[in-house]
């Protein structure tokens, strides 16, 4: 799913600001968490992968990535992006991470 600037997610909790990039697996967006008035990154699997016979495998890896990053978030490290949330918007899985301007959020694992 491609979201445009101004797209609301989770009933308005997050507002998409821009697409940061797209890799072999995921698309990343810069968004605002409205209640916290803070920038975040929302990462989603690419729309075209939904037709791949291994899509569930990709989603499982995506969830695993979120779980691993969340464990590292307990003891923050300057080189590891913190995880804030994981949710589904319709059929799209979304991983919400801290926004750090110097970081590349593109994922290329397959």
PDB file of N, CA and C in Angstrom:
ATOM      1  N   UNK A   1       0.849  -1.183   0.000  1.00  0.00           N
ATOM      2  CA  UNK A   1       0.000   0.000   0.000  1.00  0.00           C
ATOM      3  C   UNK A   1       0.884   1.232   0.000  1.00  0.00           C
ATOM      4  N   UNK A   2       0.567   2.159  -0.873  1.00  0.00           N
ATOM      5  CA  UNK A   2       1.251   3.446  -0.883  1.00  0.00           C
ATOM      6  C   UNK A   2       0.343   4.487  -0.256  1.00  0.00           C
ATOM      7  N   UNK A   3       0.887   5.191   0.688  1.00  0.00           N
ATOM      8  CA  UNK A   3       0.115   6.224   1.354  1.00  0.00           C
ATOM      9  C   UNK A   3       0.632   7.593   0.935  1.00  0.00           C
ATOM     10  N   UNK A   4      -0.266   8.535   0.812  1.00  0.00           N
ATOM     11  CA  UNK A   4       0.077   9.894   0.400  1.00  0.00           C
ATOM     12  C   UNK A   4       0.191  10.795   1.623  1.00  0.00           C
ATOM     13  N   UNK A   5       0.825  11.934   1.412  1.00  0.00           N
ATOM     14  CA  UNK A   5       0.943  12.940   2.468  1.00  0.00           C
ATOM     15  C   UNK A   5      -0.454  13.269   2.999  1.00  0.00           C
ATOM     16  N   UNK A   6      -0.580  13.298   4.334  1.00  0.00           N
ATOM     17  CA  UNK A   6      -1.852  13.609   4.969  1.00  0.00           C
ATOM     18  C   UNK A   6      -2.699  12.395   5.305  1.00  0.00           C
ATOM     19  N   UNK A   7      -2.308  11.205   4.819  1.00  0.00           N
ATOM     20  CA  UNK A   7      -3.045   9.975   5.109  1.00  0.00           C
ATOM     21  C   UNK A   7      -3.034   9.712   6.609  1.00  0.00           C
ATOM     22  N   UNK A   8      -4.207   9.471   7.171  1.00  0.00           N
ATOM     23  CA  UNK A   8      -4.325   9.156   8.599  1.00  0.00           C
ATOM     24  C   UNK A   8      -4.294   7.650   8.798  1.00  0.00           C
ATOM     25  N   UNK A   9      -3.582   7.211   9.824  1.00  0.00           N
ATOM     26  CA  UNK A   9      -3.524   5.805  10.194  1.00  0.00           C
ATOM     27  C   UNK A   9      -3.949   5.649  11.642  1.00  0.00           C
ATOM     28  N   UNK A  10      -4.481   4.489  11.952  1.00  0.00           N
ATOM     29  CA  UNK A  10      -4.904   4.175  13.315  1.00  0.00           C
ATOM     30  C   UNK A  10      -5.863   5.221  13.870  1.00  0.00           C
ATOM     31  N   UNK A  11      -6.859   5.565  13.075  1.00  0.00           N
ATOM     32  CA  UNK A  11      -7.879   6.511  13.518  1.00  0.00           C
ATOM     33  C   UNK A  11      -7.352   7.909  13.774  1.00  0.00           C
ATOM     34  N   UNK A  12      -6.292   8.292  13.071  1.00  0.00           N
ATOM     35  CA  UNK A  12      -5.732   9.629  13.236  1.00  0.00           C
ATOM     36  C   UNK A  12      -4.572   9.712  14.215  1.00  0.00           C
ATOM     37  N   UNK A  13      -4.158   8.592  14.755  1.00  0.00           N
ATOM     38  CA  UNK A  13      -3.019   8.586  15.682  1.00  0.00           C
ATOM     39  C   UNK A  13      -1.736   9.009  14.958  1.00  0.00           C
ATOM     40  N   UNK A  14      -1.586   8.555  13.709  1.00  0.00           N
ATOM     41  CA  UNK A  14      -0.425   8.879  12.895  1.00  0.00           C
ATOM     42  C   UNK A  14      -0.887   9.569  11.613  1.00  0.00           C
ATOM     43  N   UNK A  15      -0.099  10.537  11.142  1.00  0.00           N
ATOM     44  CA  UNK A  15      -0.361  11.220   9.879  1.00  0.00           C
ATOM     45  C   UNK A  15       0.900  11.094   9.017  1.00  0.00           C
ATOM     46  N   UNK A  16       0.753  10.571   7.812  1.00  0.00           N
ATOM     47  CA  UNK A  16       1.882  10.423   6.894  1.00  0.00           C
ATOM     48  C   UNK A  16       2.342  11.798   6.420  1.00  0.00           C
ATOM     49  N   UNK A  17       3.661  12.018   6.456  1.00  0.00           N
ATOM     50  CA  UNK A  17       4.247  13.258   5.950  1.00  0.00           C
ATOM     51  C   UNK A  17       4.906  13.072   4.583  1.00  0.00           C
ATOM     52  N   UNK A  18       5.641  11.955   4.425  1.00  0.00           N
ATOM     53  CA  UNK A  18       6.329  11.727   3.150  1.00  0.00           C
ATOM     54  C   UNK A  18       6.854  10.300   3.078  1.00  0.00           C
ATOM     55  N   UNK A  19       7.154   9.863   1.868  1.00  0.00           N
ATOM     56  CA  UNK A  19       7.829   8.589   1.661  1.00  0.00           C
ATOM     57  C   UNK A  19       9.320   8.848   1.818  1.00  0.00           C
ATOM     58  N   UNK A  20       9.974   8.054   2.666  1.00  0.00           N
ATOM     59  CA  UNK A  20      11.414   8.190   2.858  1.00  0.00           C
ATOM     60  C   UNK A  20      12.191   7.334   1.867  1.00  0.00           C
ATOM     61  N   UNK A  21      11.612   6.204   1.487  1.00  0.00           N
ATOM     62  CA  UNK A  21      12.297   5.342   0.535  1.00  0.00           C
ATOM     63  C   UNK A  21      11.604   4.010   0.388  1.00  0.00           C
ATOM     64  N   UNK A  22      12.121   3.257  -0.584  1.00  0.00           N
ATOM     65  CA  UNK A  22      11.561   1.941  -0.849  1.00  0.00           C
ATOM     66  C   UNK A  22      12.706   1.012  -1.194  1.00  0.00           C
ATOM     67  N   UNK A  23      12.723  -0.151  -0.553  1.00  0.00           N
ATOM     68  CA  UNK A  23      13.746  -1.153  -0.816  1.00  0.00           C
ATOM     69  C   UNK A  23      13.115  -2.395  -1.399  1.00  0.00           C
ATOM     70  N   UNK A  24      13.872  -3.472  -1.424  1.00  0.00           N
ATOM     71  CA  UNK A  24      13.384  -4.721  -1.990  1.00  0.00           C
ATOM     72  C   UNK A  24      12.227  -5.306  -1.210  1.00  0.00           C
ATOM     73  N   UNK A  25      12.131  -5.007   0.055  1.00  0.00           N
ATOM     74  CA  UNK A  25      11.070  -5.563   0.895  1.00  0.00           C
ATOM     75  C   UNK A  25      10.079  -4.521   1.376  1.00  0.00           C
ATOM     76  N   UNK A  26      10.568  -3.378   1.791  1.00  0.00           N
ATOM     77  CA  UNK A  26       9.682  -2.457   2.488  1.00  0.00           C
ATOM     78  C   UNK A  26       9.673  -1.049   1.952  1.00  0.00           C
ATOM     79  N   UNK A  27       8.614  -0.348   2.336  1.00  0.00           N
ATOM     80  CA  UNK A  27       8.480   1.080   2.084  1.00  0.00           C
ATOM     81  C   UNK A  27       8.482   1.766   3.433  1.00  0.00           C
ATOM     82  N   UNK A  28       9.206   2.873   3.535  1.00  0.00           N
ATOM     83  CA  UNK A  28       9.246   3.612   4.786  1.00  0.00           C
ATOM     84  C   UNK A  28       8.681   5.011   4.592  1.00  0.00           C
ATOM     85  N   UNK A  29       7.945   5.443   5.598  1.00  0.00           N
ATOM     86  CA  UNK A  29       7.290   6.743   5.587  1.00  0.00           C
ATOM     87  C   UNK A  29       7.705   7.524   6.816  1.00  0.00           C
ATOM     88  N   UNK A  30       7.841   8.819   6.656  1.00  0.00           N
ATOM     89  CA  UNK A  30       7.961   9.699   7.808  1.00  0.00           C
ATOM     90  C   UNK A  30       6.541  10.101   8.157  1.00  0.00           C
ATOM     91  N   UNK A  31       6.222  10.047   9.451  1.00  0.00           N
ATOM     92  CA  UNK A  31       4.877  10.383   9.915  1.00  0.00           C
ATOM     93  C   UNK A  31       4.978  11.162  11.216  1.00  0.00           C
ATOM     94  N   UNK A  32       3.862  11.694  11.632  1.00  0.00           N
ATOM     95  CA  UNK A  32       3.780  12.383  12.916  1.00  0.00           C
ATOM     96  C   UNK A  32       2.857  11.585  13.823  1.00  0.00           C
ATOM     97  N   UNK A  33       3.305  11.341  15.039  1.00  0.00           N
ATOM     98  CA  UNK A  33       2.454  10.758  16.081  1.00  0.00           C
ATOM     99  C   UNK A  33       1.754  11.958  16.701  1.00  0.00           C
ATOM    100  N   UNK A  34       0.465  12.100  16.439  1.00  0.00           N
ATOM    101  CA  UNK A  34      -0.236  13.319  16.827  1.00  0.00           C
ATOM    102  C   UNK A  34      -0.305  13.554  18.328  1.00  0.00           C
ATOM    103  N   UNK A  35      -0.567  12.512  19.102  1.00  0.00           N
ATOM    104  CA  UNK A  35      -0.690  12.703  20.556  1.00  0.00           C
ATOM    105  C   UNK A  35       0.627  13.142  21.186  1.00  0.00           C
ATOM    106  N   UNK A  36       1.739  12.623  20.657  1.00  0.00           N
ATOM    107  CA  UNK A  36       3.049  12.971  21.205  1.00  0.00           C
ATOM    108  C   UNK A  36       3.695  14.136  20.467  1.00  0.00           C
ATOM    109  N   UNK A  37       3.089  14.559  19.354  1.00  0.00           N
ATOM    110  CA  UNK A  37       3.633  15.630  18.520  1.00  0.00           C
ATOM    111  C   UNK A  37       5.104  15.357  18.204  1.00  0.00           C
ATOM    112  N   UNK A  38       5.363  14.149  17.682  1.00  0.00           N
ATOM    113  CA  UNK A  38       6.723  13.702  17.442  1.00  0.00           C
ATOM    114  C   UNK A  38       6.803  12.983  16.106  1.00  0.00           C
ATOM    115  N   UNK A  39       7.924  13.130  15.403  1.00  0.00           N
ATOM    116  CA  UNK A  39       8.133  12.433  14.140  1.00  0.00           C
ATOM    117  C   UNK A  39       8.498  10.977  14.395  1.00  0.00           C
ATOM    118  N   UNK A  40       7.958  10.100  13.559  1.00  0.00           N
ATOM    119  CA  UNK A  40       8.243   8.671  13.620  1.00  0.00           C
ATOM    120  C   UNK A  40       8.432   8.166  12.184  1.00  0.00           C
ATOM    121  N   UNK A  41       8.912   6.942  12.089  1.00  0.00           N
ATOM    122  CA  UNK A  41       9.006   6.254  10.810  1.00  0.00           C
ATOM    123  C   UNK A  41       8.046   5.079  10.861  1.00  0.00           C
ATOM    124  N   UNK A  42       7.281   4.917   9.793  1.00  0.00           N
ATOM    125  CA  UNK A  42       6.394   3.755   9.674  1.00  0.00           C
ATOM    126  C   UNK A  42       6.882   2.943   8.489  1.00  0.00           C
ATOM    127  N   UNK A  43       7.197   1.697   8.751  1.00  0.00           N
ATOM    128  CA  UNK A  43       7.727   0.796   7.732  1.00  0.00           C
ATOM    129  C   UNK A  43       6.666  -0.252   7.413  1.00  0.00           C
ATOM    130  N   UNK A  44       6.471  -0.526   6.127  1.00  0.00           N
ATOM    131  CA  UNK A  44       5.482  -1.513   5.684  1.00  0.00           C
ATOM    132  C   UNK A  44       6.102  -2.423   4.631  1.00  0.00           C
ATOM    133  N   UNK A  45       5.597  -3.650   4.498  1.00  0.00           N
ATOM    134  CA  UNK A  45       6.028  -4.480   3.365  1.00  0.00           C
ATOM    135  C   UNK A  45       5.529  -3.857   2.058  1.00  0.00           C
ATOM    136  N   UNK A  46       6.288  -4.048   0.987  1.00  0.00           N
ATOM    137  CA  UNK A  46       5.867  -3.529  -0.313  1.00  0.00           C
ATOM    138  C   UNK A  46       4.578  -4.187  -0.790  1.00  0.00           C
ATOM    139  N   UNK A  47       3.743  -3.392  -1.424  1.00  0.00           N
ATOM    140  CA  UNK A  47       2.447  -3.865  -1.913  1.00  0.00           C
ATOM    141  C   UNK A  47       2.604  -5.033  -2.890  1.00  0.00           C
ATOM    142  N   UNK A  48       3.606  -4.973  -3.761  1.00  0.00           N
ATOM    143  CA  UNK A  48       3.761  -6.014  -4.784  1.00  0.00           C
ATOM    144  C   UNK A  48       4.070  -7.388  -4.187  1.00  0.00           C
ATOM    145  N   UNK A  49       4.572  -7.440  -2.967  1.00  0.00           N
ATOM    146  CA  UNK A  49       4.898  -8.723  -2.338  1.00  0.00           C
ATOM    147  C   UNK A  49       3.660  -9.516  -1.934  1.00  0.00           C
ATOM    148  N   UNK A  50       2.511  -8.859  -1.830  1.00  0.00           N
ATOM    149  CA  UNK A  50       1.296  -9.556  -1.402  1.00  0.00           C
ATOM    150  C   UNK A  50       0.896 -10.667  -2.371  1.00  0.00           C
ATOM    151  N   UNK A  51       1.369 -10.601  -3.596  1.00  0.00           N
ATOM    152  CA  UNK A  51       1.049 -11.620  -4.598  1.00  0.00           C
ATOM    153  C   UNK A  51       2.128 -12.692  -4.694  1.00  0.00           C
ATOM    154  N   UNK A  52       3.185 -12.532  -3.923  1.00  0.00           N
ATOM    155  CA  UNK A  52       4.280 -13.498  -3.909  1.00  0.00           C
ATOM    156  C   UNK A  52       3.845 -14.718  -3.084  1.00  0.00           C
ATOM    157  N   UNK A  53       4.122 -15.925  -3.552  1.00  0.00           N
ATOM    158  CA  UNK A  53       3.729 -17.110  -2.778  1.00  0.00           C
ATOM    159  C   UNK A  53       4.418 -17.205  -1.416  1.00  0.00           C
ATOM    160  N   UNK A  54       5.504 -16.466  -1.233  1.00  0.00           N
ATOM    161  CA  UNK A  54       6.226 -16.478   0.038  1.00  0.00           C
ATOM    162  C   UNK A  54       5.892 -15.262   0.892  1.00  0.00           C
ATOM    163  N   UNK A  55       4.793 -14.583   0.592  1.00  0.00           N
ATOM    164  CA  UNK A  55       4.444 -13.351   1.306  1.00  0.00           C
ATOM    165  C   UNK A  55       4.375 -13.560   2.817  1.00  0.00           C
ATOM    166  N   UNK A  56       3.755 -14.643   3.266  1.00  0.00           N
ATOM    167  CA  UNK A  56       3.645 -14.876   4.713  1.00  0.00           C
ATOM    168  C   UNK A  56       5.027 -15.014   5.340  1.00  0.00           C
ATOM    169  N   UNK A  57       5.969 -15.594   4.607  1.00  0.00           N
ATOM    170  CA  UNK A  57       7.350 -15.706   5.092  1.00  0.00           C
ATOM    171  C   UNK A  57       7.947 -14.309   5.273  1.00  0.00           C
ATOM    172  N   UNK A  58       7.696 -13.403   4.327  1.00  0.00           N
ATOM    173  CA  UNK A  58       8.185 -12.032   4.436  1.00  0.00           C
ATOM    174  C   UNK A  58       7.562 -11.324   5.635  1.00  0.00           C
ATOM    175  N   UNK A  59       6.268 -11.521   5.822  1.00  0.00           N
ATOM    176  CA  UNK A  59       5.577 -10.886   6.954  1.00  0.00           C
ATOM    177  C   UNK A  59       6.125 -11.426   8.271  1.00  0.00           C
ATOM    178  N   UNK A  60       6.371 -12.721   8.329  1.00  0.00           N
ATOM    179  CA  UNK A  60       6.944 -13.309   9.543  1.00  0.00           C
ATOM    180  C   UNK A  60       8.313 -12.712   9.850  1.00  0.00           C
ATOM    181  N   UNK A  61       9.142 -12.513   8.815  1.00  0.00           N
ATOM    182  CA  UNK A  61      10.457 -11.884   9.008  1.00  0.00           C
ATOM    183  C   UNK A  61      10.295 -10.433   9.447  1.00  0.00           C
ATOM    184  N   UNK A  62       9.304  -9.770   8.885  1.00  0.00           N
ATOM    185  CA  UNK A  62       9.025  -8.380   9.237  1.00  0.00           C
ATOM    186  C   UNK A  62       8.649  -8.269  10.714  1.00  0.00           C
ATOM    187  N   UNK A  63       7.778  -9.156  11.176  1.00  0.00           N
ATOM    188  CA  UNK A  63       7.389  -9.179  12.588  1.00  0.00           C
ATOM    189  C   UNK A  63       8.599  -9.504  13.462  1.00  0.00           C
ATOM    190  N   UNK A  64       9.401 -10.454  13.022  1.00  0.00           N
ATOM    191  CA  UNK A  64      10.598 -10.833  13.780  1.00  0.00           C
ATOM    192  C   UNK A  64      11.561  -9.660  13.885  1.00  0.00           C
ATOM    193  N   UNK A  65      11.723  -8.914  12.805  1.00  0.00           N
ATOM    194  CA  UNK A  65      12.580  -7.727  12.834  1.00  0.00           C
ATOM    195  C   UNK A  65      12.079  -6.749  13.893  1.00  0.00           C
ATOM    196  N   UNK A  66      10.771  -6.522  13.938  1.00  0.00           N
ATOM    197  CA  UNK A  66      10.188  -5.627  14.928  1.00  0.00           C
ATOM    198  C   UNK A  66      10.429  -6.108  16.346  1.00  0.00           C
ATOM    199  N   UNK A  67      10.274  -7.413  16.557  1.00  0.00           N
ATOM    200  CA  UNK A  67      10.481  -7.973  17.891  1.00  0.00           C
ATOM    201  C   UNK A  67      11.938  -7.849  18.332  1.00  0.00           C
ATOM    202  N   UNK A  68      12.858  -8.086  17.414  1.00  0.00           N
ATOM    203  CA  UNK A  68      14.287  -7.969  17.747  1.00  0.00           C
ATOM    204  C   UNK A  68      14.639  -6.524  18.065  1.00  0.00           C
ATOM    205  N   UNK A  69      14.187  -5.596  17.219  1.00  0.00           N
ATOM    206  CA  UNK A  69      14.471  -4.178  17.478  1.00  0.00           C
ATOM    207  C   UNK A  69      13.844  -3.717  18.784  1.00  0.00           C
ATOM    208  N   UNK A  70      12.655  -4.227  19.094  1.00  0.00           N
ATOM    209  CA  UNK A  70      11.987  -3.840  20.351  1.00  0.00           C
ATOM    210  C   UNK A  70      12.795  -4.298  21.550  1.00  0.00           C
ATOM    211  N   UNK A  71      13.368  -5.496  21.469  1.00  0.00           N
ATOM    212  CA  UNK A  71      14.199  -5.980  22.580  1.00  0.00           C
ATOM    213  C   UNK A  71      15.409  -5.070  22.800  1.00  0.00           C
ATOM    214  N   UNK A  72      15.997  -4.600  21.703  1.00  0.00           N
ATOM    215  CA  UNK A  72      17.129  -3.682  21.818  1.00  0.00           C
ATOM    216  C   UNK A  72      16.694  -2.326  22.333  1.00  0.00           C
ATOM    217  N   UNK A  73      15.430  -1.968  22.152  1.00  0.00           N
ATOM    218  CA  UNK A  73      14.924  -0.668  22.603  1.00  0.00           C
ATOM    219  C   UNK A  73      14.914  -0.541  24.117  1.00  0.00           C
ATOM    220  N   UNK A  74      14.920  -1.685  24.808  1.00  0.00           N
ATOM    221  CA  UNK A  74      14.921  -1.677  26.280  1.00  0.00           C
ATOM    222  C   UNK A  74      16.180  -0.978  26.795  1.00  0.00           C
ATOM    223  N   UNK A  75      17.296  -1.213  26.112  1.00  0.00           N
ATOM    224  CA  UNK A  75      18.566  -0.578  26.452  1.00  0.00           C
ATOM    225  C   UNK A  75      19.017   0.218  25.230  1.00  0.00           C
ATOM    226  N   UNK A  76      18.528   1.442  25.086  1.00  0.00           N
ATOM    227  CA  UNK A  76      18.786   2.224  23.869  1.00  0.00           C
ATOM    228  C   UNK A  76      20.273   2.314  23.529  1.00  0.00           C
ATOM    229  N   UNK A  77      20.531   2.252  22.253  1.00  0.00           N
ATOM    230  CA  UNK A  77      21.882   2.338  21.726  1.00  0.00           C
ATOM    231  C   UNK A  77      21.866   3.331  20.570  1.00  0.00           C
ATOM    232  N   UNK A  78      22.876   4.172  20.443  1.00  0.00           N
ATOM    233  CA  UNK A  78      22.846   5.211  19.403  1.00  0.00           C
ATOM    234  C   UNK A  78      22.838   4.668  17.974  1.00  0.00           C
ATOM    235  N   UNK A  79      23.159   3.385  17.788  1.00  0.00           N
ATOM    236  CA  UNK A  79      23.205   2.825  16.439  1.00  0.00           C
ATOM    237  C   UNK A  79      22.047   1.876  16.149  1.00  0.00           C
ATOM    238  N   UNK A  80      21.085   1.803  17.038  1.00  0.00           N
ATOM    239  CA  UNK A  80      19.922   0.934  16.837  1.00  0.00           C
ATOM    240  C   UNK A  80      18.657   1.765  17.001  1.00  0.00           C
ATOM    241  N   UNK A  81      17.831   1.739  15.976  1.00  0.00           N
ATOM    242  CA  UNK A  81      16.591   2.519  15.982  1.00  0.00           C
ATOM    243  C   UNK A  81      15.589   1.876  16.935  1.00  0.00           C
ATOM    244  N   UNK A  82      14.945   2.690  17.765  1.00  0.00           N
ATOM    245  CA  UNK A  82      13.962   2.194  18.723  1.00  0.00           C
ATOM    246  C   UNK A  82      12.614   1.923  18.073  1.00  0.00           C
ATOM    247  N   UNK A  83      11.940   0.892  18.550  1.00  0.00           N
ATOM    248  CA  UNK A  83      10.603   0.541  18.078  1.00  0.00           C
ATOM    249  C   UNK A  83       9.579   1.131  19.029  1.00  0.00           C
ATOM    250  N   UNK A  84       8.522   1.712  18.472  1.00  0.00           N
ATOM    251  CA  UNK A  84       7.466   2.319  19.278  1.00  0.00           C
ATOM    252  C   UNK A  84       6.155   1.562  19.236  1.00  0.00           C
ATOM    253  N   UNK A  85       5.877   0.915  18.089  1.00  0.00           N
ATOM    254  CA  UNK A  85       4.555   0.313  17.915  1.00  0.00           C
ATOM    255  C   UNK A  85       4.611  -0.673  16.759  1.00  0.00           C
ATOM    256  N   UNK A  86       3.654  -1.579  16.737  1.00  0.00           N
ATOM    257  CA  UNK A  86       3.450  -2.497  15.615  1.00  0.00           C
ATOM    258  C   UNK A  86       1.949  -2.672  15.488  1.00  0.00           C
ATOM    259  N   UNK A  87       1.420  -2.454  14.294  1.00  0.00           N
ATOM    260  CA  UNK A  87      -0.025  -2.574  14.103  1.00  0.00           C
ATOM    261  C   UNK A  87      -0.334  -2.970  12.669  1.00  0.00           C
ATOM    262  N   UNK A  88      -1.596  -3.266  12.423  1.00  0.00           N
ATOM    263  CA  UNK A  88      -2.081  -3.506  11.072  1.00  0.00           C
ATOM    264  C   UNK A  88      -3.048  -2.398  10.701  1.00  0.00           C
ATOM    265  N   UNK A  89      -2.870  -1.863   9.512  1.00  0.00           N
ATOM    266  CA  UNK A  89      -3.791  -0.880   8.952  1.00  0.00           C
ATOM    267  C   UNK A  89      -4.441  -1.576   7.768  1.00  0.00           C
ATOM    268  N   UNK A  90      -5.673  -2.037   7.959  1.00  0.00           N
ATOM    269  CA  UNK A  90      -6.287  -2.902   6.948  1.00  0.00           C
ATOM    270  C   UNK A  90      -5.509  -4.206   6.922  1.00  0.00           C
ATOM    271  N   UNK A  91      -5.011  -4.578   5.747  1.00  0.00           N
ATOM    272  CA  UNK A  91      -4.220  -5.806   5.608  1.00  0.00           C
ATOM    273  C   UNK A  91      -2.719  -5.528   5.638  1.00  0.00           C
ATOM    274  N   UNK A  92      -2.333  -4.291   5.902  1.00  0.00           N
ATOM    275  CA  UNK A  92      -0.921  -3.911   5.862  1.00  0.00           C
ATOM    276  C   UNK A  92      -0.325  -3.876   7.261  1.00  0.00           C
ATOM    277  N   UNK A  93       0.769  -4.607   7.435  1.00  0.00           N
ATOM    278  CA  UNK A  93       1.494  -4.604   8.704  1.00  0.00           C
ATOM    279  C   UNK A  93       2.379  -3.372   8.760  1.00  0.00           C
ATOM    280  N   UNK A  94       2.449  -2.751   9.936  1.00  0.00           N
ATOM    281  CA  UNK A  94       3.186  -1.495  10.100  1.00  0.00           C
ATOM    282  C   UNK A  94       4.074  -1.558  11.341  1.00  0.00           C
ATOM    283  N   UNK A  95       5.324  -1.221  11.142  1.00  0.00           N
ATOM    284  CA  UNK A  95       6.291  -1.148  12.230  1.00  0.00           C
ATOM    285  C   UNK A  95       6.631   0.325  12.428  1.00  0.00           C
ATOM    286  N   UNK A  96       6.398   0.845  13.640  1.00  0.00           N
ATOM    287  CA  UNK A  96       6.653   2.255  13.940  1.00  0.00           C
ATOM    288  C   UNK A  96       7.958   2.348  14.719  1.00  0.00           C
ATOM    289  N   UNK A  97       8.865   3.202  14.217  1.00  0.00           N
ATOM    290  CA  UNK A  97      10.184   3.347  14.820  1.00  0.00           C
ATOM    291  C   UNK A  97      10.474   4.823  15.076  1.00  0.00           C
ATOM    292  N   UNK A  98      11.484   5.063  15.910  1.00  0.00           N
ATOM    293  CA  UNK A  98      11.950   6.431  16.130  1.00  0.00           C
ATOM    294  C   UNK A  98      12.428   7.014  14.805  1.00  0.00           C
ATOM    295  N   UNK A  99      12.192   8.298  14.609  1.00  0.00           N
ATOM    296  CA  UNK A  99      12.719   8.984  13.439  1.00  0.00           C
ATOM    297  C   UNK A  99      14.059   9.602  13.803  1.00  0.00           C
ATOM    298  N   UNK A 100      15.090   9.198  13.084  1.00  0.00           N
ATOM    299  CA  UNK A 100      16.434   9.755  13.257  1.00  0.00           C
ATOM    300  C   UNK A 100      16.873  10.201  11.872  1.00  0.00           C
ATOM    301  N   UNK A 101      17.030  11.498  11.640  1.00  0.00           N
ATOM    302  CA  UNK A 101      17.302  12.007  10.290  1.00  0.00           C
ATOM    303  C   UNK A 101      18.498  11.379   9.575  1.00  0.00           C
ATOM    304  N   UNK A 102      19.526  10.983  10.284  1.00  0.00           N
ATOM    305  CA  UNK A 102      20.731  10.459   9.647  1.00  0.00           C
ATOM    306  C   UNK A 102      20.646   8.982   9.281  1.00  0.00           C
ATOM    307  N   UNK A 103      19.562   8.302   9.627  1.00  0.00           N
ATOM    308  CA  UNK A 103      19.462   6.855   9.462  1.00  0.00           C
ATOM    309  C   UNK A 103      18.779   6.506   8.143  1.00  0.00           C
ATOM    310  N   UNK A 104      19.260   5.431   7.507  1.00  0.00           N
ATOM    311  CA  UNK A 104      18.574   4.872   6.341  1.00  0.00           C
ATOM    312  C   UNK A 104      17.608   3.825   6.854  1.00  0.00           C
ATOM    313  N   UNK A 105      16.360   3.927   6.472  1.00  0.00           N
ATOM    314  CA  UNK A 105      15.329   3.008   6.949  1.00  0.00           C
ATOM    315  C   UNK A 105      14.957   1.970   5.900  1.00  0.00           C
ATOM    316  N   UNK A 106      15.743   1.826   4.861  1.00  0.00           N
ATOM    317  CA  UNK A 106      15.435   0.903   3.786  1.00  0.00           C
ATOM    318  C   UNK A 106      15.855  -0.508   4.199  1.00  0.00           C
ATOM    319  N   UNK A 107      14.967  -1.472   3.953  1.00  0.00           N
ATOM    320  CA  UNK A 107      15.237  -2.866   4.270  1.00  0.00           C
ATOM    321  C   UNK A 107      15.348  -3.640   2.969  1.00  0.00           C
ATOM    322  N   UNK A 108      16.375  -4.457   2.830  1.00  0.00           N
ATOM    323  CA  UNK A 108      16.575  -5.204   1.601  1.00  0.00           C
ATOM    324  C   UNK A 108      16.594  -6.708   1.803  1.00  0.00           C
ATOM    325  N   UNK A 109      16.217  -7.219   2.969  1.00  0.00           N
ATOM    326  CA  UNK A 109      16.243  -8.656   3.140  1.00  0.00           C
ATOM    327  C   UNK A 109      15.106  -9.301   2.380  1.00  0.00           C
ATOM    328  N   UNK A 110      15.311 -10.514   1.927  1.00  0.00           N
ATOM    329  CA  UNK A 110      14.258 -11.269   1.217  1.00  0.00           C
ATOM    330  C   UNK A 110      14.222 -12.667   1.719  1.00  0.00           C
TER     331      UNK A 110
END
